[in-house]
Amino acid sequence: MSKRRVVLTGAAGYIAQRMFTELSERWELVPIDARATTRDGKAVPGIIVTDLTRPDRNEYRRHFRGTAAVIHCAYVSAPGLDANAWQDNSDAKFWAEYQNMALAY
């Protein structure tokens, strides 16, 4: 019996990397992220590099066809903001969270 296809968004991120090995053993894993490597520079096997925040879903729709499930770990953060600056910069916070909502759609 063939493995069922599962998309993992944010595949180069911290949370997805904690699950990656076990998921790839159990499923036909389709890892997707906006970058090809983890933050420490490790290459992600089989990664599809695409930006899921782009409004034209036809650019990446094909990667989701035939999937049994999507494990959504993708996350957009406001660049350069630490915990203190995050509280005082409502515009950057709004746009980062807006993109996170779009990712879930």
C-alpha atoms as a PDB file:
ATOM      1  CA  MET A   1       0.000   0.000   0.000  1.00  0.00           C
ATOM      2  CA  SER A   2       1.392   3.406  -0.931  1.00  0.00           C
ATOM      3  CA  LYS A   3       1.872   6.172   1.573  1.00  0.00           C
ATOM      4  CA  ARG A   4      -0.706   8.937   1.696  1.00  0.00           C
ATOM      5  CA  ARG A   5       0.460  12.381   0.638  1.00  0.00           C
ATOM      6  CA  VAL A   6       0.752  15.053   3.353  1.00  0.00           C
ATOM      7  CA  VAL A   7       1.828  18.683   2.885  1.00  0.00           C
ATOM      8  CA  LEU A   8       3.922  20.247   5.653  1.00  0.00           C
ATOM      9  CA  THR A   9       3.959  24.059   5.481  1.00  0.00           C
ATOM     10  CA  GLY A  10       6.739  25.934   7.221  1.00  0.00           C
ATOM     11  CA  ALA A  11       8.867  22.819   6.779  1.00  0.00           C
ATOM     12  CA  ALA A  12      12.160  24.616   7.494  1.00  0.00           C
ATOM     13  CA  GLY A  13      10.850  26.074  10.742  1.00  0.00           C
ATOM     14  CA  TYR A  14      11.485  25.059  14.328  1.00  0.00           C
ATOM     15  CA  ILE A  15       8.227  23.194  14.999  1.00  0.00           C
ATOM     16  CA  ALA A  16       8.066  21.388  11.647  1.00  0.00           C
ATOM     17  CA  GLN A  17      11.651  20.222  12.009  1.00  0.00           C
ATOM     18  CA  ARG A  18      10.786  18.513  15.300  1.00  0.00           C
ATOM     19  CA  MET A  19       8.252  16.338  13.421  1.00  0.00           C
ATOM     20  CA  PHE A  20       9.981  16.028  10.053  1.00  0.00           C
ATOM     21  CA  THR A  21      11.718  12.659  10.388  1.00  0.00           C
ATOM     22  CA  GLU A  22       8.742  10.791  11.794  1.00  0.00           C
ATOM     23  CA  LEU A  23       6.314  12.363   9.330  1.00  0.00           C
ATOM     24  CA  SER A  24       8.531  11.474   6.372  1.00  0.00           C
ATOM     25  CA  GLU A  25       8.717   7.862   7.567  1.00  0.00           C
ATOM     26  CA  ARG A  26       4.924   7.537   7.764  1.00  0.00           C
ATOM     27  CA  TRP A  27       3.737   9.703   4.860  1.00  0.00           C
ATOM     28  CA  GLU A  28       4.677  10.841   1.380  1.00  0.00           C
ATOM     29  CA  LEU A  29       5.745  14.186   2.780  1.00  0.00           C
ATOM     30  CA  VAL A  30       5.571  17.364   0.689  1.00  0.00           C
ATOM     31  CA  PRO A  31       7.635  19.937   2.614  1.00  0.00           C
ATOM     32  CA  ILE A  32       6.960  23.563   1.649  1.00  0.00           C
ATOM     33  CA  ASP A  33       8.607  26.727   2.942  1.00  0.00           C
ATOM     34  CA  ALA A  34       9.669  30.178   1.764  1.00  0.00           C
ATOM     35  CA  ARG A  35      13.295  29.190   2.413  1.00  0.00           C
ATOM     36  CA  ALA A  36      15.315  26.084   1.560  1.00  0.00           C
ATOM     37  CA  THR A  37      17.235  25.706   4.808  1.00  0.00           C
ATOM     38  CA  THR A  38      16.603  25.799   8.531  1.00  0.00           C
ATOM     39  CA  ARG A  39      17.794  28.815  10.539  1.00  0.00           C
ATOM     40  CA  ASP A  40      21.037  26.963  11.316  1.00  0.00           C
ATOM     41  CA  GLY A  41      21.657  26.333   7.598  1.00  0.00           C
ATOM     42  CA  LYS A  42      20.605  22.674   7.389  1.00  0.00           C
ATOM     43  CA  ALA A  43      19.105  21.719   4.013  1.00  0.00           C
ATOM     44  CA  VAL A  44      15.543  20.386   4.166  1.00  0.00           C
ATOM     45  CA  PRO A  45      15.179  17.177   2.102  1.00  0.00           C
ATOM     46  CA  GLY A  46      12.747  17.506  -0.804  1.00  0.00           C
ATOM     47  CA  ILE A  47      11.780  21.079   0.079  1.00  0.00           C
ATOM     48  CA  ILE A  48       9.576  23.034  -2.299  1.00  0.00           C
ATOM     49  CA  VAL A  49      10.494  26.699  -1.974  1.00  0.00           C
ATOM     50  CA  THR A  50       7.468  28.911  -2.529  1.00  0.00           C
ATOM     51  CA  ASP A  51       5.808  31.836  -0.793  1.00  0.00           C
ATOM     52  CA  LEU A  52       2.347  30.800   0.368  1.00  0.00           C
ATOM     53  CA  THR A  53       1.482  34.402   1.248  1.00  0.00           C
ATOM     54  CA  ARG A  54       1.370  35.346  -2.443  1.00  0.00           C
ATOM     55  CA  PRO A  55      -2.222  36.084  -3.465  1.00  0.00           C
ATOM     56  CA  ASP A  56      -2.100  34.109  -6.740  1.00  0.00           C
ATOM     57  CA  ARG A  57      -2.745  30.600  -5.426  1.00  0.00           C
ATOM     58  CA  ASN A  58      -2.263  29.159  -8.914  1.00  0.00           C
ATOM     59  CA  GLU A  59       1.484  29.601  -8.318  1.00  0.00           C
ATOM     60  CA  TYR A  60       1.473  26.818  -5.709  1.00  0.00           C
ATOM     61  CA  ARG A  61      -1.901  25.062  -5.921  1.00  0.00           C
ATOM     62  CA  ARG A  62      -0.365  22.043  -7.695  1.00  0.00           C
ATOM     63  CA  HIS A  63       1.646  21.135  -4.584  1.00  0.00           C
ATOM     64  CA  PHE A  64      -1.587  20.555  -2.649  1.00  0.00           C
ATOM     65  CA  ARG A  65      -3.401  18.392  -5.218  1.00  0.00           C
ATOM     66  CA  GLY A  66      -4.007  14.821  -4.136  1.00  0.00           C
ATOM     67  CA  THR A  67      -3.073  15.410  -0.519  1.00  0.00           C
ATOM     68  CA  ALA A  68      -4.742  13.601   2.342  1.00  0.00           C
ATOM     69  CA  ALA A  69      -3.861  16.330   4.852  1.00  0.00           C
ATOM     70  CA  VAL A  70      -2.031  19.589   5.421  1.00  0.00           C
ATOM     71  CA  ILE A  71      -0.012  20.140   8.578  1.00  0.00           C
ATOM     72  CA  HIS A  72       0.204  23.917   8.807  1.00  0.00           C
ATOM     73  CA  CYS A  73       3.337  25.106  10.621  1.00  0.00           C
ATOM     74  CA  ALA A  74       4.090  28.163   8.464  1.00  0.00           C
ATOM     75  CA  TYR A  75       4.373  31.458  10.326  1.00  0.00           C
ATOM     76  CA  VAL A  76       5.201  35.018   9.319  1.00  0.00           C
ATOM     77  CA  SER A  77       6.840  37.249  11.906  1.00  0.00           C
ATOM     78  CA  ALA A  78       7.502  40.963  11.699  1.00  0.00           C
ATOM     79  CA  PRO A  79      11.233  41.168  10.886  1.00  0.00           C
ATOM     80  CA  GLY A  80      13.542  42.789  13.383  1.00  0.00           C
ATOM     81  CA  LEU A  81      11.053  43.091  16.225  1.00  0.00           C
ATOM     82  CA  ASP A  82      11.897  41.685  19.631  1.00  0.00           C
ATOM     83  CA  ALA A  83       9.247  41.113  22.309  1.00  0.00           C
ATOM     84  CA  ASN A  84       9.380  44.729  23.524  1.00  0.00           C
ATOM     85  CA  ALA A  85       9.350  46.398  20.094  1.00  0.00           C
ATOM     86  CA  TRP A  86       6.548  44.057  19.004  1.00  0.00           C
ATOM     87  CA  GLN A  87       4.181  45.644  21.529  1.00  0.00           C
ATOM     88  CA  ASP A  88       4.925  49.174  20.300  1.00  0.00           C
ATOM     89  CA  ASN A  89       4.777  48.570  16.543  1.00  0.00           C
ATOM     90  CA  SER A  90       1.162  47.878  15.711  1.00  0.00           C
ATOM     91  CA  ASP A  91       1.548  48.315  11.921  1.00  0.00           C
ATOM     92  CA  ALA A  92       4.256  45.662  11.563  1.00  0.00           C
ATOM     93  CA  LYS A  93       2.395  43.374  13.948  1.00  0.00           C
ATOM     94  CA  PHE A  94      -0.859  43.808  12.025  1.00  0.00           C
ATOM     95  CA  TRP A  95       0.687  42.982   8.637  1.00  0.00           C
ATOM     96  CA  ALA A  96       2.537  39.934   9.962  1.00  0.00           C
ATOM     97  CA  GLU A  97      -0.648  38.584  11.548  1.00  0.00           C
ATOM     98  CA  TYR A  98      -2.630  39.432   8.409  1.00  0.00           C
ATOM     99  CA  GLN A  99      -0.262  37.221   6.411  1.00  0.00           C
ATOM    100  CA  ASN A 100      -0.611  34.450   8.996  1.00  0.00           C
ATOM    101  CA  MET A 101      -4.379  34.530   8.560  1.00  0.00           C
ATOM    102  CA  ALA A 102      -3.954  34.389   4.782  1.00  0.00           C
ATOM    103  CA  LEU A 103      -1.698  31.337   5.153  1.00  0.00           C
ATOM    104  CA  ALA A 104      -4.481  29.483   6.915  1.00  0.00           C
ATOM    105  CA  TYR A 105      -6.985  30.208   4.138  1.00  0.00           C
END
